[in-house]
């Protein structure tokens, strides 16, 4: 339930309400916005009457949160969450563009790609080092060696790193190297992993599962938020349907739906949602027009030779064209791309 404090409530009154919430066995989440202070009483609240808190000094109103997800709900947190990363923000007026190869393959490959996407206008670098593959015989990633190469690319370009985490045993090494932990579609409901990530304060990009509903995605985010980590971004990456003309079906509907239901930033992955490079730019444009807070795009200097997901990867020059297009759409939407460097800045696309 939400306990909304009066505008003139004192810090002492807020603290007294917090202690009362704790005394009945509930957890507390404090949200202090510009217009209101909201105390979230988190836990099994069905048997606890709202009257227990309504008479406390400084309390304006007590409301039950109707959704099963509480901390992720816009009802609980009306204002957009804006996450600061290195040099830009996600969830406000800026649109993040995360780009890089599906897999880190070699030093030359990742450094070349990092420089190319920076010049094109990317605001962050992605690269897989622990790869979840359908076949156990497929390339599984370079592991910590790949993380070291990503760190070198960050040092050379200044781009923060986004990389996928596969298991809770990888948390320490991943936090050591990367700026954003990506939780892939196959791990969206790996609740043990989500709990451990919730104990960190690392930024998280949580991808929607292959056949997950919007509510299931938000419930997974709730696991991370409940652990105290509020640096969560959601990612629509296409869902599995009967259609076979693309790798997955891009659920463009999910973007405005999520923006209505939750305060968390929403990112679109048009690479995985289509599976074909020739469709990526079109879906990226549609995602920004629908209100997405960012994009994550697979880029490879030679997609034909990529060890994974080459078919959906853009060449750097095609990525640069896409960045220009989405930048123009962002302007129409009253927003701008987060990047302010490289060719992007020279052409004034911000």
C-alpha atoms as a PDB file:
ATOM      1  CA  UNK A   1       0.000   0.000   0.000  1.00  0.00           C
ATOM      2  CA  UNK A   2       0.984   3.639  -0.435  1.00  0.00           C
ATOM      3  CA  UNK A   3       0.984   6.102   2.407  1.00  0.00           C
ATOM      4  CA  UNK A   4       0.931   9.576   0.912  1.00  0.00           C
ATOM      5  CA  UNK A   5       2.154  12.241   3.289  1.00  0.00           C
ATOM      6  CA  UNK A   6       0.812  15.792   3.489  1.00  0.00           C
ATOM      7  CA  UNK A   7       2.830  18.465   1.708  1.00  0.00           C
ATOM      8  CA  UNK A   8       3.774  20.033   5.061  1.00  0.00           C
ATOM      9  CA  UNK A   9       4.605  16.759   6.842  1.00  0.00           C
ATOM     10  CA  UNK A  10       7.734  17.062   8.954  1.00  0.00           C
ATOM     11  CA  UNK A  11      10.705  14.663   8.796  1.00  0.00           C
ATOM     12  CA  UNK A  12       9.750  13.485  12.278  1.00  0.00           C
ATOM     13  CA  UNK A  13       6.240  12.584  11.133  1.00  0.00           C
ATOM     14  CA  UNK A  14       7.619  10.716   8.102  1.00  0.00           C
ATOM     15  CA  UNK A  15       9.973   8.751  10.359  1.00  0.00           C
ATOM     16  CA  UNK A  16       7.153   7.920  12.774  1.00  0.00           C
ATOM     17  CA  UNK A  17       5.077   6.461   9.928  1.00  0.00           C
ATOM     18  CA  UNK A  18       8.064   4.443   8.698  1.00  0.00           C
ATOM     19  CA  UNK A  19       8.533   2.952  12.173  1.00  0.00           C
ATOM     20  CA  UNK A  20       4.822   2.092  12.325  1.00  0.00           C
ATOM     21  CA  UNK A  21       5.039   0.295   8.968  1.00  0.00           C
ATOM     22  CA  UNK A  22       8.038  -1.704  10.146  1.00  0.00           C
ATOM     23  CA  UNK A  23       6.287  -2.606  13.401  1.00  0.00           C
ATOM     24  CA  UNK A  24       3.612  -4.575  11.528  1.00  0.00           C
ATOM     25  CA  UNK A  25       6.203  -6.628   9.638  1.00  0.00           C
ATOM     26  CA  UNK A  26       6.230  -4.721   6.352  1.00  0.00           C
ATOM     27  CA  UNK A  27       9.199  -3.423   4.400  1.00  0.00           C
ATOM     28  CA  UNK A  28       9.505   0.269   3.614  1.00  0.00           C
ATOM     29  CA  UNK A  29      10.317   2.042   0.371  1.00  0.00           C
ATOM     30  CA  UNK A  30      10.528   5.825   0.620  1.00  0.00           C
ATOM     31  CA  UNK A  31       9.879   7.945  -2.473  1.00  0.00           C
ATOM     32  CA  UNK A  32      10.410  11.667  -2.018  1.00  0.00           C
ATOM     33  CA  UNK A  33       9.264  13.456  -5.156  1.00  0.00           C
ATOM     34  CA  UNK A  34       8.886  17.116  -6.006  1.00  0.00           C
ATOM     35  CA  UNK A  35       5.188  17.188  -5.151  1.00  0.00           C
ATOM     36  CA  UNK A  36       4.756  14.442  -2.572  1.00  0.00           C
ATOM     37  CA  UNK A  37       6.451  12.055  -0.181  1.00  0.00           C
ATOM     38  CA  UNK A  38       5.170   8.501  -0.550  1.00  0.00           C
ATOM     39  CA  UNK A  39       5.930   5.693   1.866  1.00  0.00           C
ATOM     40  CA  UNK A  40       5.527   2.295   0.282  1.00  0.00           C
ATOM     41  CA  UNK A  41       4.466  -0.460   2.682  1.00  0.00           C
ATOM     42  CA  UNK A  42       5.703  -3.586   0.911  1.00  0.00           C
ATOM     43  CA  UNK A  43       4.718  -7.129   1.798  1.00  0.00           C
ATOM     44  CA  UNK A  44       1.548  -9.053   2.606  1.00  0.00           C
ATOM     45  CA  UNK A  45      -0.763  -6.125   3.269  1.00  0.00           C
ATOM     46  CA  UNK A  46      -4.138  -7.773   2.584  1.00  0.00           C
ATOM     47  CA  UNK A  47      -4.849  -8.434   6.245  1.00  0.00           C
ATOM     48  CA  UNK A  48      -3.690  -5.020   7.423  1.00  0.00           C
ATOM     49  CA  UNK A  49      -6.427  -2.337   7.366  1.00  0.00           C
ATOM     50  CA  UNK A  50      -5.542   1.054   5.899  1.00  0.00           C
ATOM     51  CA  UNK A  51      -7.039   2.654   9.002  1.00  0.00           C
ATOM     52  CA  UNK A  52      -3.943   1.557  10.932  1.00  0.00           C
ATOM     53  CA  UNK A  53      -1.993   4.317   9.171  1.00  0.00           C
ATOM     54  CA  UNK A  54      -4.659   6.835   8.189  1.00  0.00           C
ATOM     55  CA  UNK A  55      -4.817   8.467  11.622  1.00  0.00           C
ATOM     56  CA  UNK A  56      -1.083   9.050  11.960  1.00  0.00           C
ATOM     57  CA  UNK A  57       0.168  12.638  12.065  1.00  0.00           C
ATOM     58  CA  UNK A  58       1.176  13.982   8.656  1.00  0.00           C
ATOM     59  CA  UNK A  59      -0.654  11.316   6.616  1.00  0.00           C
ATOM     60  CA  UNK A  60      -2.793  12.642   3.748  1.00  0.00           C
ATOM     61  CA  UNK A  61      -4.226   9.382   2.385  1.00  0.00           C
ATOM     62  CA  UNK A  62      -3.533   5.641   2.292  1.00  0.00           C
ATOM     63  CA  UNK A  63      -4.115   3.707  -0.934  1.00  0.00           C
ATOM     64  CA  UNK A  64      -3.696   0.090  -1.894  1.00  0.00           C
ATOM     65  CA  UNK A  65      -1.628  -0.600  -5.008  1.00  0.00           C
ATOM     66  CA  UNK A  66      -3.807  -2.623  -7.321  1.00  0.00           C
ATOM     67  CA  UNK A  67      -1.043  -4.141  -9.459  1.00  0.00           C
ATOM     68  CA  UNK A  68       0.886  -7.198  -8.218  1.00  0.00           C
ATOM     69  CA  UNK A  69       4.115  -5.294  -8.905  1.00  0.00           C
ATOM     70  CA  UNK A  70       4.451  -2.520  -6.363  1.00  0.00           C
ATOM     71  CA  UNK A  71       7.796  -0.736  -6.624  1.00  0.00           C
ATOM     72  CA  UNK A  72       7.721  -0.857 -10.438  1.00  0.00           C
ATOM     73  CA  UNK A  73       4.227   0.632 -10.553  1.00  0.00           C
ATOM     74  CA  UNK A  74       3.660   4.175 -11.769  1.00  0.00           C
ATOM     75  CA  UNK A  75       0.866   4.301  -9.199  1.00  0.00           C
ATOM     76  CA  UNK A  76       3.545   4.114  -6.507  1.00  0.00           C
ATOM     77  CA  UNK A  77       6.141   6.224  -8.337  1.00  0.00           C
ATOM     78  CA  UNK A  78       4.287   8.707 -10.624  1.00  0.00           C
ATOM     79  CA  UNK A  79       7.394  10.463 -11.936  1.00  0.00           C
ATOM     80  CA  UNK A  80       9.686   8.881 -14.531  1.00  0.00           C
ATOM     81  CA  UNK A  81      12.816   7.313 -13.137  1.00  0.00           C
ATOM     82  CA  UNK A  82      15.820   8.987 -14.763  1.00  0.00           C
ATOM     83  CA  UNK A  83      18.991   6.915 -14.523  1.00  0.00           C
ATOM     84  CA  UNK A  84      22.333   8.720 -14.764  1.00  0.00           C
ATOM     85  CA  UNK A  85      25.031   6.828 -16.635  1.00  0.00           C
ATOM     86  CA  UNK A  86      28.467   8.043 -17.659  1.00  0.00           C
ATOM     87  CA  UNK A  87      27.829  11.371 -19.341  1.00  0.00           C
ATOM     88  CA  UNK A  88      24.112  10.992 -20.084  1.00  0.00           C
ATOM     89  CA  UNK A  89      20.780   9.921 -18.593  1.00  0.00           C
ATOM     90  CA  UNK A  90      18.148   7.352 -19.518  1.00  0.00           C
ATOM     91  CA  UNK A  91      14.442   7.913 -18.930  1.00  0.00           C
ATOM     92  CA  UNK A  92      14.235  11.671 -19.323  1.00  0.00           C
ATOM     93  CA  UNK A  93      14.542  13.872 -22.379  1.00  0.00           C
ATOM     94  CA  UNK A  94      17.565  12.042 -23.763  1.00  0.00           C
ATOM     95  CA  UNK A  95      17.409   8.873 -25.839  1.00  0.00           C
ATOM     96  CA  UNK A  96      20.241   6.385 -25.324  1.00  0.00           C
ATOM     97  CA  UNK A  97      21.714   4.427 -28.234  1.00  0.00           C
ATOM     98  CA  UNK A  98      23.604   1.330 -27.106  1.00  0.00           C
ATOM     99  CA  UNK A  99      25.524  -0.387 -29.896  1.00  0.00           C
ATOM    100  CA  UNK A 100      28.145  -3.046 -30.498  1.00  0.00           C
ATOM    101  CA  UNK A 101      28.637  -6.661 -31.528  1.00  0.00           C
ATOM    102  CA  UNK A 102      26.655  -9.626 -30.282  1.00  0.00           C
ATOM    103  CA  UNK A 103      29.942 -11.200 -29.140  1.00  0.00           C
ATOM    104  CA  UNK A 104      33.372  -9.830 -28.347  1.00  0.00           C
ATOM    105  CA  UNK A 105      35.508 -11.898 -30.735  1.00  0.00           C
ATOM    106  CA  UNK A 106      38.938 -10.252 -30.686  1.00  0.00           C
ATOM    107  CA  UNK A 107      40.769  -7.111 -29.629  1.00  0.00           C
ATOM    108  CA  UNK A 108      40.800  -5.624 -33.137  1.00  0.00           C
ATOM    109  CA  UNK A 109      37.105  -6.376 -33.676  1.00  0.00           C
ATOM    110  CA  UNK A 110      35.831  -4.750 -30.474  1.00  0.00           C
ATOM    111  CA  UNK A 111      38.140  -1.714 -30.674  1.00  0.00           C
ATOM    112  CA  UNK A 112      37.220  -1.088 -34.309  1.00  0.00           C
ATOM    113  CA  UNK A 113      33.521  -1.429 -33.566  1.00  0.00           C
ATOM    114  CA  UNK A 114      33.688   0.753 -30.464  1.00  0.00           C
ATOM    115  CA  UNK A 115      35.355   3.587 -32.352  1.00  0.00           C
ATOM    116  CA  UNK A 116      32.886   3.277 -35.238  1.00  0.00           C
ATOM    117  CA  UNK A 117      29.749   3.380 -33.082  1.00  0.00           C
ATOM    118  CA  UNK A 118      31.128   6.284 -31.061  1.00  0.00           C
ATOM    119  CA  UNK A 119      31.742   8.279 -34.231  1.00  0.00           C
ATOM    120  CA  UNK A 120      28.239   7.427 -35.444  1.00  0.00           C
ATOM    121  CA  UNK A 121      26.648   8.747 -32.240  1.00  0.00           C
ATOM    122  CA  UNK A 122      26.294   5.816 -29.836  1.00  0.00           C
ATOM    123  CA  UNK A 123      26.131   6.669 -26.157  1.00  0.00           C
ATOM    124  CA  UNK A 124      27.184   3.216 -24.839  1.00  0.00           C
ATOM    125  CA  UNK A 125      28.952   0.077 -26.074  1.00  0.00           C
ATOM    126  CA  UNK A 126      27.430  -3.411 -25.917  1.00  0.00           C
ATOM    127  CA  UNK A 127      29.288  -6.691 -26.253  1.00  0.00           C
ATOM    128  CA  UNK A 128      28.636 -10.264 -25.155  1.00  0.00           C
ATOM    129  CA  UNK A 129      31.306 -12.191 -23.268  1.00  0.00           C
ATOM    130  CA  UNK A 130      29.208 -14.988 -21.708  1.00  0.00           C
ATOM    131  CA  UNK A 131      26.933 -16.172 -24.500  1.00  0.00           C
ATOM    132  CA  UNK A 132      23.679 -18.089 -23.912  1.00  0.00           C
ATOM    133  CA  UNK A 133      23.498 -20.285 -27.012  1.00  0.00           C
ATOM    134  CA  UNK A 134      20.842 -22.785 -28.003  1.00  0.00           C
ATOM    135  CA  UNK A 135      23.532 -25.291 -29.000  1.00  0.00           C
ATOM    136  CA  UNK A 136      26.248 -26.286 -26.499  1.00  0.00           C
ATOM    137  CA  UNK A 137      28.644 -26.512 -29.440  1.00  0.00           C
ATOM    138  CA  UNK A 138      28.237 -22.884 -30.500  1.00  0.00           C
ATOM    139  CA  UNK A 139      30.644 -20.118 -29.487  1.00  0.00           C
ATOM    140  CA  UNK A 140      30.151 -19.434 -25.777  1.00  0.00           C
ATOM    141  CA  UNK A 141      32.094 -16.175 -25.437  1.00  0.00           C
ATOM    142  CA  UNK A 142      35.543 -15.097 -24.274  1.00  0.00           C
ATOM    143  CA  UNK A 143      34.623 -14.721 -20.595  1.00  0.00           C
ATOM    144  CA  UNK A 144      36.853 -12.460 -18.513  1.00  0.00           C
ATOM    145  CA  UNK A 145      39.215 -11.932 -21.439  1.00  0.00           C
ATOM    146  CA  UNK A 146      36.282 -10.358 -23.266  1.00  0.00           C
ATOM    147  CA  UNK A 147      35.547  -8.124 -20.273  1.00  0.00           C
ATOM    148  CA  UNK A 148      39.146  -6.903 -20.322  1.00  0.00           C
ATOM    149  CA  UNK A 149      38.815  -6.042 -24.006  1.00  0.00           C
ATOM    150  CA  UNK A 150      35.567  -4.171 -23.343  1.00  0.00           C
ATOM    151  CA  UNK A 151      37.297  -2.224 -20.573  1.00  0.00           C
ATOM    152  CA  UNK A 152      40.070  -1.289 -23.010  1.00  0.00           C
ATOM    153  CA  UNK A 153      37.462  -0.124 -25.521  1.00  0.00           C
ATOM    154  CA  UNK A 154      35.832   2.009 -22.834  1.00  0.00           C
ATOM    155  CA  UNK A 155      39.207   3.554 -21.983  1.00  0.00           C
ATOM    156  CA  UNK A 156      39.818   4.467 -25.613  1.00  0.00           C
ATOM    157  CA  UNK A 157      36.326   5.777 -26.438  1.00  0.00           C
ATOM    158  CA  UNK A 158      34.779   6.863 -23.142  1.00  0.00           C
ATOM    159  CA  UNK A 159      31.681   4.769 -23.855  1.00  0.00           C
ATOM    160  CA  UNK A 160      30.167   2.947 -20.844  1.00  0.00           C
ATOM    161  CA  UNK A 161      29.844  -0.835 -21.227  1.00  0.00           C
ATOM    162  CA  UNK A 162      26.706  -3.003 -21.370  1.00  0.00           C
ATOM    163  CA  UNK A 163      27.284  -6.768 -21.109  1.00  0.00           C
ATOM    164  CA  UNK A 164      25.083  -9.764 -20.356  1.00  0.00           C
ATOM    165  CA  UNK A 165      25.327 -11.638 -17.074  1.00  0.00           C
ATOM    166  CA  UNK A 166      24.377 -15.329 -17.069  1.00  0.00           C
ATOM    167  CA  UNK A 167      24.696 -16.480 -13.468  1.00  0.00           C
ATOM    168  CA  UNK A 168      24.916 -15.172  -9.934  1.00  0.00           C
ATOM    169  CA  UNK A 169      28.476 -16.548  -9.695  1.00  0.00           C
ATOM    170  CA  UNK A 170      29.487 -13.961 -12.334  1.00  0.00           C
ATOM    171  CA  UNK A 171      28.256 -10.944 -10.380  1.00  0.00           C
ATOM    172  CA  UNK A 172      31.559  -9.966  -8.776  1.00  0.00           C
ATOM    173  CA  UNK A 173      33.592 -10.120 -11.981  1.00  0.00           C
ATOM    174  CA  UNK A 174      30.893  -8.373 -14.014  1.00  0.00           C
ATOM    175  CA  UNK A 175      30.488  -5.505 -11.555  1.00  0.00           C
ATOM    176  CA  UNK A 176      34.270  -5.099 -11.631  1.00  0.00           C
ATOM    177  CA  UNK A 177      34.284  -4.377 -15.372  1.00  0.00           C
ATOM    178  CA  UNK A 178      30.897  -3.252 -16.725  1.00  0.00           C
ATOM    179  CA  UNK A 179      28.618  -0.266 -16.232  1.00  0.00           C
ATOM    180  CA  UNK A 180      25.270  -1.947 -17.042  1.00  0.00           C
ATOM    181  CA  UNK A 181      24.377  -5.585 -16.339  1.00  0.00           C
ATOM    182  CA  UNK A 182      22.171  -6.980 -19.081  1.00  0.00           C
ATOM    183  CA  UNK A 183      19.800  -9.763 -18.043  1.00  0.00           C
ATOM    184  CA  UNK A 184      18.903 -11.660 -21.199  1.00  0.00           C
ATOM    185  CA  UNK A 185      15.527 -13.020 -22.265  1.00  0.00           C
ATOM    186  CA  UNK A 186      16.391 -16.554 -21.117  1.00  0.00           C
ATOM    187  CA  UNK A 187      17.197 -15.292 -17.618  1.00  0.00           C
ATOM    188  CA  UNK A 188      14.289 -12.885 -17.156  1.00  0.00           C
ATOM    189  CA  UNK A 189      12.737 -15.291 -14.643  1.00  0.00           C
ATOM    190  CA  UNK A 190      15.988 -16.540 -13.107  1.00  0.00           C
ATOM    191  CA  UNK A 191      14.826 -15.274  -9.738  1.00  0.00           C
ATOM    192  CA  UNK A 192      17.986 -16.262  -7.851  1.00  0.00           C
ATOM    193  CA  UNK A 193      20.026 -14.158 -10.269  1.00  0.00           C
ATOM    194  CA  UNK A 194      17.574 -11.256 -10.006  1.00  0.00           C
ATOM    195  CA  UNK A 195      17.755 -11.330  -6.206  1.00  0.00           C
ATOM    196  CA  UNK A 196      21.560 -11.163  -6.260  1.00  0.00           C
ATOM    197  CA  UNK A 197      21.527  -8.309  -8.767  1.00  0.00           C
ATOM    198  CA  UNK A 198      19.035  -6.542  -6.513  1.00  0.00           C
ATOM    199  CA  UNK A 199      21.690  -6.508  -3.804  1.00  0.00           C
ATOM    200  CA  UNK A 200      24.104  -4.640  -6.073  1.00  0.00           C
ATOM    201  CA  UNK A 201      23.733  -1.032  -7.100  1.00  0.00           C
ATOM    202  CA  UNK A 202      24.765  -1.637 -10.689  1.00  0.00           C
ATOM    203  CA  UNK A 203      22.534  -0.378 -13.492  1.00  0.00           C
ATOM    204  CA  UNK A 204      20.488  -3.205 -15.035  1.00  0.00           C
ATOM    205  CA  UNK A 205      18.986  -3.742 -18.488  1.00  0.00           C
ATOM    206  CA  UNK A 206      16.259  -6.369 -18.043  1.00  0.00           C
ATOM    207  CA  UNK A 207      15.111  -7.997 -21.273  1.00  0.00           C
ATOM    208  CA  UNK A 208      11.633  -9.390 -21.775  1.00  0.00           C
ATOM    209  CA  UNK A 209      11.450 -13.181 -21.967  1.00  0.00           C
ATOM    210  CA  UNK A 210      10.745 -15.071 -25.177  1.00  0.00           C
ATOM    211  CA  UNK A 211       7.064 -15.585 -24.340  1.00  0.00           C
ATOM    212  CA  UNK A 212       6.677 -13.343 -21.291  1.00  0.00           C
ATOM    213  CA  UNK A 213       3.742 -11.028 -20.724  1.00  0.00           C
ATOM    214  CA  UNK A 214       4.239  -7.385 -19.833  1.00  0.00           C
ATOM    215  CA  UNK A 215       3.135  -8.157 -16.281  1.00  0.00           C
ATOM    216  CA  UNK A 216       5.679 -10.977 -15.974  1.00  0.00           C
ATOM    217  CA  UNK A 217       8.414  -8.593 -17.113  1.00  0.00           C
ATOM    218  CA  UNK A 218       7.376  -6.080 -14.463  1.00  0.00           C
ATOM    219  CA  UNK A 219       7.245  -8.774 -11.782  1.00  0.00           C
ATOM    220  CA  UNK A 220      10.815  -9.728 -12.664  1.00  0.00           C
ATOM    221  CA  UNK A 221      11.841  -6.084 -12.327  1.00  0.00           C
ATOM    222  CA  UNK A 222      10.146  -6.114  -8.927  1.00  0.00           C
ATOM    223  CA  UNK A 223      12.634  -8.739  -7.706  1.00  0.00           C
ATOM    224  CA  UNK A 224      15.523  -6.358  -8.438  1.00  0.00           C
ATOM    225  CA  UNK A 225      13.760  -3.310  -7.019  1.00  0.00           C
ATOM    226  CA  UNK A 226      12.781  -5.196  -3.861  1.00  0.00           C
ATOM    227  CA  UNK A 227      16.465  -5.867  -3.213  1.00  0.00           C
ATOM    228  CA  UNK A 228      17.100  -2.135  -3.051  1.00  0.00           C
ATOM    229  CA  UNK A 229      18.488  -1.628  -6.556  1.00  0.00           C
ATOM    230  CA  UNK A 230      16.353   0.978  -8.325  1.00  0.00           C
ATOM    231  CA  UNK A 231      18.654   1.391 -11.344  1.00  0.00           C
ATOM    232  CA  UNK A 232      16.543  -0.770 -13.663  1.00  0.00           C
ATOM    233  CA  UNK A 233      15.773  -0.352 -17.368  1.00  0.00           C
ATOM    234  CA  UNK A 234      13.314  -2.599 -19.214  1.00  0.00           C
ATOM    235  CA  UNK A 235      13.932  -3.924 -22.720  1.00  0.00           C
ATOM    236  CA  UNK A 236      11.401  -5.030 -25.326  1.00  0.00           C
ATOM    237  CA  UNK A 237      13.242  -7.459 -27.639  1.00  0.00           C
ATOM    238  CA  UNK A 238      10.428  -9.190 -29.467  1.00  0.00           C
ATOM    239  CA  UNK A 239       8.336 -12.165 -28.411  1.00  0.00           C
ATOM    240  CA  UNK A 240       7.769 -15.605 -29.871  1.00  0.00           C
ATOM    241  CA  UNK A 241       4.611 -15.900 -31.956  1.00  0.00           C
ATOM    242  CA  UNK A 242       3.365 -18.046 -34.837  1.00  0.00           C
ATOM    243  CA  UNK A 243       4.988 -15.668 -37.362  1.00  0.00           C
ATOM    244  CA  UNK A 244       8.185 -16.978 -39.003  1.00  0.00           C
ATOM    245  CA  UNK A 245       9.063 -14.190 -41.457  1.00  0.00           C
ATOM    246  CA  UNK A 246      11.117 -12.515 -38.722  1.00  0.00           C
ATOM    247  CA  UNK A 247      13.123 -13.981 -35.857  1.00  0.00           C
ATOM    248  CA  UNK A 248      10.636 -12.679 -33.304  1.00  0.00           C
ATOM    249  CA  UNK A 249       7.621 -10.374 -33.350  1.00  0.00           C
ATOM    250  CA  UNK A 250       8.358  -6.829 -32.223  1.00  0.00           C
ATOM    251  CA  UNK A 251       5.732  -5.826 -29.677  1.00  0.00           C
ATOM    252  CA  UNK A 252       5.650  -2.097 -30.382  1.00  0.00           C
ATOM    253  CA  UNK A 253       2.484  -1.976 -28.266  1.00  0.00           C
ATOM    254  CA  UNK A 254       4.586  -2.863 -25.226  1.00  0.00           C
ATOM    255  CA  UNK A 255       6.424   0.455 -25.328  1.00  0.00           C
ATOM    256  CA  UNK A 256       3.458   2.795 -24.635  1.00  0.00           C
ATOM    257  CA  UNK A 257       1.886   0.149 -22.392  1.00  0.00           C
ATOM    258  CA  UNK A 258       5.006  -0.039 -20.237  1.00  0.00           C
ATOM    259  CA  UNK A 259       5.386   3.738 -20.206  1.00  0.00           C
ATOM    260  CA  UNK A 260       1.840   3.919 -18.842  1.00  0.00           C
ATOM    261  CA  UNK A 261       2.235   1.180 -16.226  1.00  0.00           C
ATOM    262  CA  UNK A 262       5.740   1.830 -14.893  1.00  0.00           C
ATOM    263  CA  UNK A 263       8.137   4.661 -14.160  1.00  0.00           C
ATOM    264  CA  UNK A 264      11.129   2.612 -15.325  1.00  0.00           C
ATOM    265  CA  UNK A 265      12.901   3.512 -18.603  1.00  0.00           C
ATOM    266  CA  UNK A 266      12.016   1.378 -21.631  1.00  0.00           C
ATOM    267  CA  UNK A 267      14.593   0.347 -24.247  1.00  0.00           C
ATOM    268  CA  UNK A 268      13.851  -1.326 -27.610  1.00  0.00           C
ATOM    269  CA  UNK A 269      16.060  -3.999 -29.201  1.00  0.00           C
ATOM    270  CA  UNK A 270      15.163  -4.017 -32.932  1.00  0.00           C
ATOM    271  CA  UNK A 271      18.044  -6.379 -33.745  1.00  0.00           C
ATOM    272  CA  UNK A 272      16.713  -9.369 -31.813  1.00  0.00           C
ATOM    273  CA  UNK A 273      13.088  -8.486 -32.400  1.00  0.00           C
ATOM    274  CA  UNK A 274      13.485  -8.748 -36.180  1.00  0.00           C
ATOM    275  CA  UNK A 275      16.546 -10.941 -36.706  1.00  0.00           C
ATOM    276  CA  UNK A 276      17.279  -9.312 -40.067  1.00  0.00           C
ATOM    277  CA  UNK A 277      19.507  -6.271 -40.516  1.00  0.00           C
ATOM    278  CA  UNK A 278      17.354  -4.808 -43.300  1.00  0.00           C
ATOM    279  CA  UNK A 279      14.443  -4.331 -40.863  1.00  0.00           C
ATOM    280  CA  UNK A 280      16.385  -2.920 -37.911  1.00  0.00           C
ATOM    281  CA  UNK A 281      16.310   0.781 -38.857  1.00  0.00           C
ATOM    282  CA  UNK A 282      12.579   0.769 -39.589  1.00  0.00           C
ATOM    283  CA  UNK A 283      11.711  -0.793 -36.246  1.00  0.00           C
ATOM    284  CA  UNK A 284      14.178   1.502 -34.451  1.00  0.00           C
ATOM    285  CA  UNK A 285      12.383   4.509 -35.940  1.00  0.00           C
ATOM    286  CA  UNK A 286       9.025   3.083 -34.902  1.00  0.00           C
ATOM    287  CA  UNK A 287      10.264   2.464 -31.360  1.00  0.00           C
ATOM    288  CA  UNK A 288      11.398   6.048 -30.854  1.00  0.00           C
ATOM    289  CA  UNK A 289       8.112   7.332 -32.279  1.00  0.00           C
ATOM    290  CA  UNK A 290       6.272   5.049 -29.830  1.00  0.00           C
ATOM    291  CA  UNK A 291       8.104   6.601 -26.880  1.00  0.00           C
ATOM    292  CA  UNK A 292      11.082   4.327 -26.199  1.00  0.00           C
ATOM    293  CA  UNK A 293      13.811   5.817 -24.028  1.00  0.00           C
ATOM    294  CA  UNK A 294      16.579   4.159 -25.996  1.00  0.00           C
ATOM    295  CA  UNK A 295      17.748   1.504 -28.435  1.00  0.00           C
ATOM    296  CA  UNK A 296      20.195  -1.378 -28.241  1.00  0.00           C
ATOM    297  CA  UNK A 297      21.587  -2.276 -31.670  1.00  0.00           C
ATOM    298  CA  UNK A 298      23.951  -4.996 -32.854  1.00  0.00           C
ATOM    299  CA  UNK A 299      26.790  -3.605 -34.992  1.00  0.00           C
ATOM    300  CA  UNK A 300      29.680  -5.585 -36.516  1.00  0.00           C
ATOM    301  CA  UNK A 301      32.426  -4.454 -38.931  1.00  0.00           C
ATOM    302  CA  UNK A 302      31.963  -7.616 -41.017  1.00  0.00           C
ATOM    303  CA  UNK A 303      28.611  -9.282 -40.225  1.00  0.00           C
ATOM    304  CA  UNK A 304      29.223 -12.133 -42.691  1.00  0.00           C
ATOM    305  CA  UNK A 305      32.130 -13.289 -40.520  1.00  0.00           C
ATOM    306  CA  UNK A 306      30.474 -12.739 -37.118  1.00  0.00           C
ATOM    307  CA  UNK A 307      30.561 -15.775 -34.821  1.00  0.00           C
ATOM    308  CA  UNK A 308      27.009 -15.022 -33.632  1.00  0.00           C
ATOM    309  CA  UNK A 309      23.992 -13.056 -34.862  1.00  0.00           C
ATOM    310  CA  UNK A 310      25.672 -11.705 -37.973  1.00  0.00           C
ATOM    311  CA  UNK A 311      22.396 -11.789 -39.898  1.00  0.00           C
ATOM    312  CA  UNK A 312      20.852  -9.111 -37.694  1.00  0.00           C
ATOM    313  CA  UNK A 313      23.959  -6.952 -37.263  1.00  0.00           C
ATOM    314  CA  UNK A 314      24.344  -3.604 -39.004  1.00  0.00           C
ATOM    315  CA  UNK A 315      27.565  -2.511 -40.642  1.00  0.00           C
ATOM    316  CA  UNK A 316      28.925   0.716 -39.106  1.00  0.00           C
ATOM    317  CA  UNK A 317      27.873   2.858 -42.080  1.00  0.00           C
ATOM    318  CA  UNK A 318      24.294   1.549 -41.910  1.00  0.00           C
ATOM    319  CA  UNK A 319      24.278   2.173 -38.166  1.00  0.00           C
ATOM    320  CA  UNK A 320      25.339   5.778 -38.755  1.00  0.00           C
ATOM    321  CA  UNK A 321      22.421   6.239 -41.174  1.00  0.00           C
ATOM    322  CA  UNK A 322      20.030   4.803 -38.601  1.00  0.00           C
ATOM    323  CA  UNK A 323      21.328   7.122 -35.859  1.00  0.00           C
ATOM    324  CA  UNK A 324      20.664  10.141 -38.061  1.00  0.00           C
ATOM    325  CA  UNK A 325      17.121   8.946 -38.752  1.00  0.00           C
ATOM    326  CA  UNK A 326      16.206   8.249 -35.139  1.00  0.00           C
ATOM    327  CA  UNK A 327      17.781  11.545 -34.119  1.00  0.00           C
ATOM    328  CA  UNK A 328      15.442  13.369 -36.452  1.00  0.00           C
ATOM    329  CA  UNK A 329      12.442  11.486 -35.078  1.00  0.00           C
ATOM    330  CA  UNK A 330      13.588  12.273 -31.539  1.00  0.00           C
ATOM    331  CA  UNK A 331      13.511  15.983 -32.384  1.00  0.00           C
ATOM    332  CA  UNK A 332       9.924  15.676 -33.596  1.00  0.00           C
ATOM    333  CA  UNK A 333       9.082  14.003 -30.275  1.00  0.00           C
ATOM    334  CA  UNK A 334      10.667  16.886 -28.351  1.00  0.00           C
ATOM    335  CA  UNK A 335      13.661  14.795 -27.314  1.00  0.00           C
ATOM    336  CA  UNK A 336      17.281  14.354 -28.384  1.00  0.00           C
ATOM    337  CA  UNK A 337      19.819  11.565 -28.633  1.00  0.00           C
ATOM    338  CA  UNK A 338      22.138  11.282 -25.668  1.00  0.00           C
ATOM    339  CA  UNK A 339      25.385  11.190 -27.647  1.00  0.00           C
ATOM    340  CA  UNK A 340      27.217  14.486 -28.103  1.00  0.00           C
ATOM    341  CA  UNK A 341      30.419  13.309 -29.752  1.00  0.00           C
ATOM    342  CA  UNK A 342      31.847  12.128 -33.034  1.00  0.00           C
ATOM    343  CA  UNK A 343      30.169  12.595 -36.423  1.00  0.00           C
ATOM    344  CA  UNK A 344      26.789  12.850 -34.703  1.00  0.00           C
ATOM    345  CA  UNK A 345      27.781  16.122 -33.020  1.00  0.00           C
ATOM    346  CA  UNK A 346      29.473  17.494 -36.128  1.00  0.00           C
ATOM    347  CA  UNK A 347      26.279  17.138 -38.150  1.00  0.00           C
ATOM    348  CA  UNK A 348      24.143  18.772 -35.455  1.00  0.00           C
ATOM    349  CA  UNK A 349      21.693  15.880 -35.134  1.00  0.00           C
ATOM    350  CA  UNK A 350      21.189  16.454 -31.400  1.00  0.00           C
END
